Every structure is written in C-alpha cells, then in structure tokens.
Amino acid sequence: MNSWRNVSLAVTAAAVLAMTTACGQDGADGAPGSRTVGNPAPAQRPAQDGYGEDQAPAAEPRPAGQLAARDTGQLGKVVTDSAGMTLYRFDKDTAKPPTSNCGGDCAKTWPPVPAASVTAPPGTAPDLVGEVTRGDGRKQLTLGGWPMYRYAGDAAAGDAKGQGVGGTWFASAPDGKKAAASPEKPDAGTEKPDAAAPGAEGPEGAASPGAPADRPGMSVRKDPELGEIVVDRRGRTVYRFKKDSAWPMKSACTGDCLAKWPAVAPVPKNDTEGILKKGYVVFDRPDGAKQQTIDCWPLYTYSGDTGPGDTNGQGVGGTWYAVSPQGRMVGAPR
C-alpha cells in the first residue's frame, strides 16, 4: 500500500513540476526560480502611471443622456451616448428577461450605463428603452432588453475599439441588436481587435494599415538601448507588468489600466518569429477577452507609444518593462 501511495505522490509531483516548467517562473527581477512576482522596484517614472497601486474609487458612471444613432460606415448605425461614446452589448447577457452577466472586473473594463436620464435615439421607439436591476441594486440601461455598456478602451467620441473583443462584445445598434454594416459596405462585425486597445489591429493575423506586409504578428526588434525586444505586427513594443503572475496566469491590469496598457490579442504560433514557443498560450481574462502570453506571462502594448520603435512605456511606475524574446522583463532592476 505504501509503495502505491509513494508512486501516486511521485506522479502528482511530476505533473506539477511539468506545469511550472511549461510556464516562465522568473521573478520580478528577471532571475529564474521564483514562482511569484516580487515587490515593485522603486519607480523610475511617476508612480501614478504604474497602475495596480491603490487608487481612489472609480467615479460614478455618467448618465447616457440623449442617445444618438451614428453611421460608422463599417458597422452601420451604432448607438452612442450624449458624449458620442459607443455603447456595447454582451453576448453572455440575455434580453428576455433582461439580465447582466458582467460584474466585478468585467464591469471595470465594461462600465454599465446608468438607466437614469436617458432619451431614446431619434427614430427609435421609446418603449425599446428600459432598465435592469443589477446585483448591486443599481439600474442599468437596456435597449431592446439588452443591457448597455461603455468600454474602458474607448478614449474619444467615435471610438469603437470594443467591437468584437473576446468574440462576445459588440457595438449596439439603436434598437439593441448588434450593429451590422449595410450590404454595400464591408462587414466588420467579426473583427477582433486587441482586448482594450488604442490602435487595435483588427482580425487575428491581419496586417494593420501602414504595417509591412511581411511582418509577423509577433517578432523581435533590436533596440539600440534595450537590445532584443518583442514587437507586434505594427512594430509596437510589447510589455509585461510586474504585478502579473505566470503561475497561476493572472493579470493585475484591469479597468482603467487597460485603457493605457491594451492587452495583446491572440497571435497564432505560426505567425511569430524569433520568440520563445514554450508557454506561448492564450489567457482568458476576467472580462471575457483573450490575451496572448509568452512563457505564460500576459502581454500588453502601451497607448503612449505613438509609432513603431517607441519604448515610452519602459520603466513606467517601476512596474512596466519591454519583453525579451524569452518573455522576460528587459531592464527591470535586479
């Protein structure tokens, strides 16, 4: 009996070892062997840019006011609030009866739209405007029964960067249905941009405007100061966050953080060049989006990088660093 128990324990230990070996276990300083992310190093840039630090409670979502129907061309007519921000619906919700299934971290990335002080879009029947009571007792706007949300990754009026995120989030038409292009216009309803990303790339594997046609979805660039670092198809620097972990895979960047540090959307292995393939897996985020990892570490880009070759995110808050081809943080203090 003892022999069988010993064999069983040995098999279990081997399985755990295999899993931890499959994922990167470098510590916060990039040295191998640590299973958890260490304490942040002293900030090299203003700490308020670091995200993940204790922050003041988020402000109450603003009322939607007078809704409008904006013709986007690609998506057809989408509903916006009085400030011109796109409203979205979630496939995991239901309209009959109206039910919201986005709470916790999901609601930080996708803030529910309050039901108060709302006027139907011109041309939309007023009875399509309704409300649902959320788990916290707050009233959320519904259109055609579907709960409405804004997206933390939309920075300006007219943005629709949440379209297609995770294959479950879509801009809403004025009647609550998914926005859809008219037949004579290109259908962008299946595009999947980065999980919260300014400068989203569109469908997986598709070249972005201005990107070299032969550049892989993920590759390596030689930076004059940082050495070899990972870049995406558009040449944008890819970053890691010290507060994340690889085992278990966990992202500490949620809500407003994702507006500054968009999660990298999945990139097929065969669309990469020069990077580590071990632990190259897709991470399911709490907000329903999917995020690419290298060596099991979640990856991001930085909204402050305005063009290929920029590394403005390096060292921000003492917690954000460019990624090496092996998935380690480049230049992080040891």
Protein backbone atom coordinates (compact mmCIF):
# COMPACT_ATOMS: atom_id res chain seq x y z
CA MET A 1 0.00 0.00 0.00
CA ASN A 2 2.81 2.40 0.93
CA SER A 3 4.56 1.67 -2.36
CA TRP A 4 1.44 2.53 -4.35
CA ARG A 5 0.98 5.76 -2.32
CA ASN A 6 4.59 6.74 -2.95
CA VAL A 7 4.20 6.13 -6.69
CA SER A 8 0.99 8.20 -6.73
CA LEU A 9 2.67 11.10 -4.93
CA ALA A 10 5.61 10.95 -7.29
CA VAL A 11 3.32 11.12 -10.34
CA THR A 12 1.44 14.09 -8.89
CA ALA A 13 4.67 15.92 -8.11
CA ALA A 14 5.94 15.27 -11.64
CA ALA A 15 2.74 16.71 -13.12
CA VAL A 16 3.03 19.87 -11.04
CA LEU A 17 6.69 20.22 -11.99
CA ALA A 18 5.81 19.84 -15.67
CA MET A 19 3.22 22.58 -15.45
CA THR A 20 5.51 25.00 -13.63
CA THR A 21 8.30 24.22 -16.07
CA ALA A 22 6.00 24.95 -19.02
CA CYS A 23 5.40 28.46 -17.75
CA GLY A 24 8.01 31.12 -17.08
CA GLN A 25 8.87 31.45 -13.42
CA ASP A 26 11.31 34.32 -13.47
CA GLY A 27 10.82 36.69 -10.58
CA ALA A 28 10.26 40.40 -10.72
CA ASP A 29 13.95 40.97 -11.40
CA GLY A 30 14.04 38.54 -14.32
CA ALA A 31 16.02 35.89 -12.42
CA PRO A 32 14.74 32.31 -12.84
CA GLY A 33 13.38 30.26 -9.97
CA SER A 34 10.74 32.46 -8.37
CA ARG A 35 7.11 31.40 -8.70
CA THR A 36 5.61 34.74 -7.73
CA VAL A 37 6.05 38.31 -8.79
CA GLY A 38 8.15 40.22 -6.27
CA ASN A 39 7.61 43.64 -4.75
CA PRO A 40 7.83 46.51 -7.22
CA ALA A 41 11.18 48.22 -7.61
CA PRO A 42 11.41 51.96 -6.88
CA ALA A 43 9.55 53.88 -9.55
CA GLN A 44 11.62 55.20 -12.42
CA ARG A 45 8.71 57.28 -13.66
CA PRO A 46 5.75 58.82 -11.86
CA ALA A 47 4.04 56.17 -9.74
CA GLN A 48 0.59 57.29 -10.79
CA ASP A 49 1.31 55.87 -14.25
CA GLY A 50 2.09 52.42 -12.83
CA TYR A 51 -1.46 51.14 -12.33
CA GLY A 52 -2.07 48.34 -9.92
CA GLU A 53 -1.27 50.66 -6.98
CA ASP A 54 -4.05 51.56 -4.56
CA GLN A 55 -6.24 54.07 -6.36
CA ALA A 56 -9.23 56.19 -5.45
CA PRO A 57 -12.61 54.56 -6.10
CA ALA A 58 -13.79 54.93 -9.67
CA ALA A 59 -16.17 57.79 -10.33
CA GLU A 60 -19.84 57.02 -10.83
CA PRO A 61 -20.61 56.25 -14.50
CA ARG A 62 -22.13 59.30 -16.16
CA PRO A 63 -25.73 59.20 -17.40
CA ALA A 64 -26.18 58.48 -21.09
CA GLY A 65 -28.44 61.49 -21.74
CA GLN A 66 -29.71 61.90 -25.28
CA LEU A 67 -28.81 58.77 -27.24
CA ALA A 68 -27.85 59.11 -30.89
CA ALA A 69 -27.55 56.83 -33.91
CA ARG A 70 -24.13 57.34 -35.52
CA ASP A 71 -23.45 55.99 -39.01
CA THR A 72 -19.96 54.48 -38.82
CA GLY A 73 -19.72 53.24 -42.39
CA GLN A 74 -18.03 49.97 -41.40
CA LEU A 75 -20.50 48.90 -38.73
CA GLY A 76 -23.56 50.72 -39.97
CA LYS A 77 -25.51 52.64 -37.34
CA VAL A 78 -24.31 52.31 -33.74
CA VAL A 79 -25.86 53.90 -30.67
CA THR A 80 -23.83 56.47 -28.74
CA ASP A 81 -24.41 58.43 -25.56
CA SER A 82 -24.67 62.23 -25.41
CA ALA A 83 -20.86 62.48 -25.37
CA GLY A 84 -20.53 60.42 -28.56
CA MET A 85 -19.19 57.30 -26.81
CA THR A 86 -20.16 53.95 -28.33
CA LEU A 87 -22.48 51.68 -26.35
CA TYR A 88 -22.00 47.91 -26.38
CA ARG A 89 -23.85 44.69 -25.63
CA PHE A 90 -22.53 41.39 -24.25
CA ASP A 91 -23.37 38.01 -25.80
CA LYS A 92 -23.43 36.36 -22.35
CA ASP A 93 -26.26 38.65 -21.23
CA THR A 94 -29.89 37.95 -22.04
CA ALA A 95 -32.68 40.23 -23.28
CA LYS A 96 -35.67 38.07 -22.31
CA PRO A 97 -35.61 38.57 -19.42
CA PRO A 98 -33.04 41.38 -19.31
CA THR A 99 -30.03 40.06 -17.35
CA SER A 100 -26.48 41.33 -16.95
CA ASN A 101 -23.71 38.77 -16.52
CA CYS A 102 -20.87 41.31 -16.36
CA GLY A 103 -19.79 42.15 -12.82
CA GLY A 104 -16.57 42.53 -10.81
CA ASP A 105 -13.51 43.04 -13.00
CA CYS A 106 -15.68 42.74 -16.10
CA ALA A 107 -17.68 45.81 -15.04
CA LYS A 108 -14.45 47.79 -14.59
CA THR A 109 -13.50 47.20 -18.23
CA TRP A 110 -17.11 47.44 -19.43
CA PRO A 111 -18.83 50.04 -17.18
CA PRO A 112 -22.62 49.55 -17.15
CA VAL A 113 -24.56 52.54 -18.46
CA PRO A 114 -26.91 54.02 -15.83
CA ALA A 115 -30.60 53.91 -16.66
CA ALA A 116 -31.40 57.40 -15.35
CA SER A 117 -31.78 60.46 -17.59
CA VAL A 118 -31.88 58.62 -20.92
CA THR A 119 -33.73 59.66 -24.08
CA ALA A 120 -34.22 57.23 -26.98
CA PRO A 121 -32.23 57.82 -30.18
CA PRO A 122 -34.14 59.70 -32.91
CA GLY A 123 -36.17 57.23 -34.92
CA THR A 124 -36.12 54.54 -32.21
CA ALA A 125 -39.34 53.60 -30.45
CA PRO A 126 -39.23 54.92 -26.85
CA ASP A 127 -40.54 51.60 -25.49
CA LEU A 128 -37.29 49.92 -26.57
CA VAL A 129 -35.53 51.90 -23.83
CA GLY A 130 -35.69 50.12 -20.48
CA GLU A 131 -33.69 49.15 -17.44
CA VAL A 132 -32.47 46.13 -15.50
CA THR A 133 -31.58 45.95 -11.81
CA ARG A 134 -28.01 44.73 -11.33
CA GLY A 135 -26.76 42.55 -8.49
CA ASP A 136 -25.57 45.65 -6.60
CA GLY A 137 -29.03 47.22 -6.83
CA ARG A 138 -28.10 49.80 -9.49
CA LYS A 139 -30.31 50.38 -12.52
CA GLN A 140 -28.68 49.72 -15.90
CA LEU A 141 -29.90 50.96 -19.27
CA THR A 142 -31.28 48.39 -21.70
CA LEU A 143 -32.11 48.70 -25.40
CA GLY A 144 -34.45 46.08 -26.78
CA GLY A 145 -33.92 44.26 -23.48
CA TRP A 146 -30.10 44.13 -23.85
CA PRO A 147 -28.02 45.73 -21.06
CA MET A 148 -25.80 48.55 -22.35
CA TYR A 149 -22.12 49.18 -21.52
CA ARG A 150 -19.30 51.56 -22.36
CA TYR A 151 -15.72 50.34 -22.96
CA ALA A 152 -12.70 51.48 -20.94
CA GLY A 153 -10.54 51.23 -24.06
CA ASP A 154 -12.54 53.88 -25.93
CA ALA A 155 -10.72 57.15 -25.29
CA ALA A 156 -12.66 59.56 -27.52
CA ALA A 157 -16.02 60.08 -29.13
CA GLY A 158 -16.41 57.84 -32.16
CA ASP A 159 -14.07 55.11 -30.89
CA ALA A 160 -15.40 51.54 -31.21
CA LYS A 161 -12.36 49.58 -30.03
CA GLY A 162 -14.53 47.17 -28.06
CA GLN A 163 -16.05 45.76 -31.24
CA GLY A 164 -15.56 42.00 -31.35
CA VAL A 165 -13.47 41.78 -28.16
CA GLY A 166 -13.39 38.19 -26.95
CA GLY A 167 -15.89 37.30 -29.66
CA THR A 168 -18.63 38.36 -27.21
CA TRP A 169 -18.71 42.18 -27.16
CA PHE A 170 -20.32 44.17 -29.96
CA ALA A 171 -21.38 47.74 -30.65
CA SER A 172 -25.13 48.09 -30.28
CA ALA A 173 -27.49 49.29 -32.97
CA PRO A 174 -30.10 51.87 -31.85
CA ASP A 175 -32.65 49.05 -31.31
CA GLY A 176 -30.33 46.93 -29.13
CA LYS A 177 -29.38 44.48 -31.86
CA LYS A 178 -25.76 44.03 -32.89
CA ALA A 179 -24.60 46.79 -35.21
CA ALA A 180 -24.21 45.49 -38.74
CA ALA A 181 -23.00 47.02 -41.97
CA SER A 182 -25.41 47.51 -44.81
CA PRO A 183 -24.87 45.11 -47.76
CA GLU A 184 -22.95 47.65 -49.84
CA LYS A 185 -20.47 48.29 -47.03
CA PRO A 186 -17.72 45.98 -45.73
CA ASP A 187 -18.84 43.87 -42.75
CA ALA A 188 -16.51 44.49 -39.84
CA GLY A 189 -18.73 42.72 -37.33
CA THR A 190 -16.32 39.80 -36.96
CA GLU A 191 -13.18 41.81 -36.44
CA LYS A 192 -11.30 41.08 -33.21
CA PRO A 193 -9.13 43.95 -32.07
CA ASP A 194 -6.82 43.93 -29.02
CA ALA A 195 -8.57 43.40 -25.74
CA ALA A 196 -8.67 47.00 -24.79
CA ALA A 197 -6.56 48.65 -27.25
CA PRO A 198 -5.98 52.04 -28.74
CA GLY A 199 -4.70 51.22 -32.20
CA ALA A 200 -6.40 47.81 -32.33
CA GLU A 201 -5.25 45.60 -35.16
CA GLY A 202 -8.44 44.03 -36.43
CA PRO A 203 -8.75 40.33 -37.30
CA GLU A 204 -6.13 37.93 -35.98
CA GLY A 205 -3.23 37.68 -38.36
CA ALA A 206 -4.35 40.63 -40.48
CA ALA A 207 -1.83 43.33 -41.27
CA SER A 208 -2.64 46.75 -39.89
CA PRO A 209 -2.64 49.83 -42.11
CA GLY A 210 0.91 51.01 -42.60
CA ALA A 211 2.46 47.77 -41.30
CA PRO A 212 4.92 45.88 -43.51
CA ALA A 213 3.02 43.11 -45.28
CA ASP A 214 5.69 40.54 -44.37
CA ARG A 215 5.98 41.38 -40.64
CA PRO A 216 4.78 38.53 -38.39
CA GLY A 217 2.12 39.07 -35.75
CA MET A 218 4.84 38.84 -33.12
CA SER A 219 8.58 39.22 -33.79
CA VAL A 220 11.85 40.60 -32.38
CA ARG A 221 13.42 44.02 -32.91
CA LYS A 222 16.92 45.15 -31.98
CA ASP A 223 16.53 48.31 -29.90
CA PRO A 224 19.69 50.48 -29.59
CA GLU A 225 19.18 50.88 -25.82
CA LEU A 226 17.27 47.79 -24.70
CA GLY A 227 18.64 45.14 -27.05
CA GLU A 228 16.30 42.47 -28.42
CA ILE A 229 12.66 43.16 -27.57
CA VAL A 230 9.34 41.76 -28.77
CA VAL A 231 7.13 43.84 -31.08
CA ASP A 232 3.72 43.27 -32.62
CA ARG A 233 2.76 43.37 -36.29
CA ARG A 234 2.72 47.17 -36.32
CA GLY A 235 6.14 47.36 -34.72
CA ARG A 236 4.75 48.44 -31.34
CA THR A 237 6.78 47.43 -28.31
CA VAL A 238 5.29 44.63 -26.20
CA TYR A 239 5.40 44.95 -22.40
CA ARG A 240 4.99 42.96 -19.19
CA PHE A 241 3.54 44.10 -15.85
CA LYS A 242 5.41 43.26 -12.63
CA LYS A 243 2.18 42.73 -10.72
CA ASP A 244 1.03 39.92 -13.05
CA SER A 245 1.90 36.26 -12.46
CA ALA A 246 2.54 33.33 -14.78
CA TRP A 247 1.61 30.54 -12.39
CA PRO A 248 -1.23 30.82 -11.97
CA MET A 249 -1.69 33.01 -15.02
CA LYS A 250 -3.19 36.25 -13.72
CA SER A 251 -3.46 39.83 -14.95
CA ALA A 252 -3.42 42.65 -12.41
CA CYS A 253 -4.23 45.21 -15.14
CA THR A 254 -7.98 45.78 -15.28
CA GLY A 255 -10.42 48.66 -15.73
CA ASP A 256 -8.73 51.99 -16.43
CA CYS A 257 -5.34 50.26 -16.58
CA LEU A 258 -6.36 48.53 -19.82
CA ALA A 259 -7.09 51.87 -21.46
CA LYS A 260 -3.38 52.73 -21.09
CA TRP A 261 -2.00 49.21 -21.42
CA PRO A 262 -4.07 47.31 -24.02
CA ALA A 263 -3.87 43.54 -23.72
CA VAL A 264 -2.28 41.84 -26.74
CA ALA A 265 -4.87 39.77 -28.61
CA PRO A 266 -4.08 36.14 -29.54
CA VAL A 267 -1.47 35.64 -32.30
CA PRO A 268 -1.10 32.15 -33.85
CA LYS A 269 2.23 30.41 -33.17
CA ASN A 270 2.93 30.10 -36.87
CA ASP A 271 2.61 33.88 -37.17
CA THR A 272 5.58 34.54 -34.88
CA GLU A 273 9.30 34.81 -35.44
CA GLY A 274 12.24 34.64 -33.02
CA ILE A 275 10.25 34.30 -29.78
CA LEU A 276 10.08 31.51 -27.20
CA LYS A 277 7.35 28.99 -28.05
CA LYS A 278 7.31 27.32 -24.62
CA GLY A 279 4.37 28.63 -22.65
CA TYR A 280 3.07 30.51 -25.69
CA VAL A 281 -0.57 30.21 -24.70
CA VAL A 282 -3.74 32.29 -24.64
CA PHE A 283 -5.02 33.60 -21.31
CA ASP A 284 -8.77 34.02 -20.62
CA ARG A 285 -9.18 37.38 -18.89
CA PRO A 286 -11.88 38.01 -16.25
CA ASP A 287 -13.57 40.49 -18.63
CA GLY A 288 -14.15 37.74 -21.20
CA ALA A 289 -11.37 38.82 -23.58
CA LYS A 290 -8.45 36.61 -24.60
CA GLN A 291 -4.86 37.72 -24.10
CA GLN A 292 -1.63 36.38 -25.60
CA THR A 293 1.22 35.31 -23.32
CA ILE A 294 4.89 34.43 -23.77
CA ASP A 295 6.21 31.90 -21.25
CA CYS A 296 2.73 32.25 -19.68
CA TRP A 297 3.25 35.97 -18.87
CA PRO A 298 0.40 38.25 -20.09
CA LEU A 299 1.46 40.76 -22.76
CA TYR A 300 0.45 44.38 -23.39
CA THR A 301 1.18 47.36 -25.60
CA TYR A 302 1.28 50.98 -24.40
CA SER A 303 -1.06 53.75 -25.52
CA GLY A 304 1.77 56.24 -25.05
CA ASP A 305 3.76 54.63 -27.87
CA THR A 306 2.65 56.55 -30.95
CA GLY A 307 4.72 54.76 -33.58
CA PRO A 308 6.92 51.76 -34.37
CA GLY A 309 10.11 51.76 -32.31
CA ASP A 310 8.70 53.80 -29.41
CA THR A 311 9.51 52.50 -25.92
CA ASN A 312 7.79 55.17 -23.85
CA GLY A 313 6.32 52.50 -21.57
CA GLN A 314 9.72 51.25 -20.42
CA GLY A 315 10.03 51.53 -16.62
CA VAL A 316 6.72 53.35 -16.13
CA GLY A 317 5.80 53.27 -12.46
CA GLY A 318 8.69 50.86 -11.86
CA THR A 319 6.32 48.08 -12.93
CA TRP A 320 6.18 48.04 -16.75
CA TYR A 321 9.01 46.72 -18.93
CA ALA A 322 9.62 45.67 -22.52
CA VAL A 323 9.69 41.93 -23.13
CA SER A 324 12.68 39.88 -24.30
CA PRO A 325 12.24 37.04 -26.86
CA GLN A 326 12.28 34.66 -23.86
CA GLY A 327 9.40 36.51 -22.19
CA ARG A 328 11.49 38.24 -19.51
CA MET A 329 11.31 41.91 -18.50
CA VAL A 330 14.12 43.87 -20.15
CA GLY A 331 15.94 46.30 -17.88
CA ALA A 332 13.97 45.51 -14.72
CA PRO A 333 16.12 46.18 -11.60
CA ARG A 334 17.53 43.04 -10.03
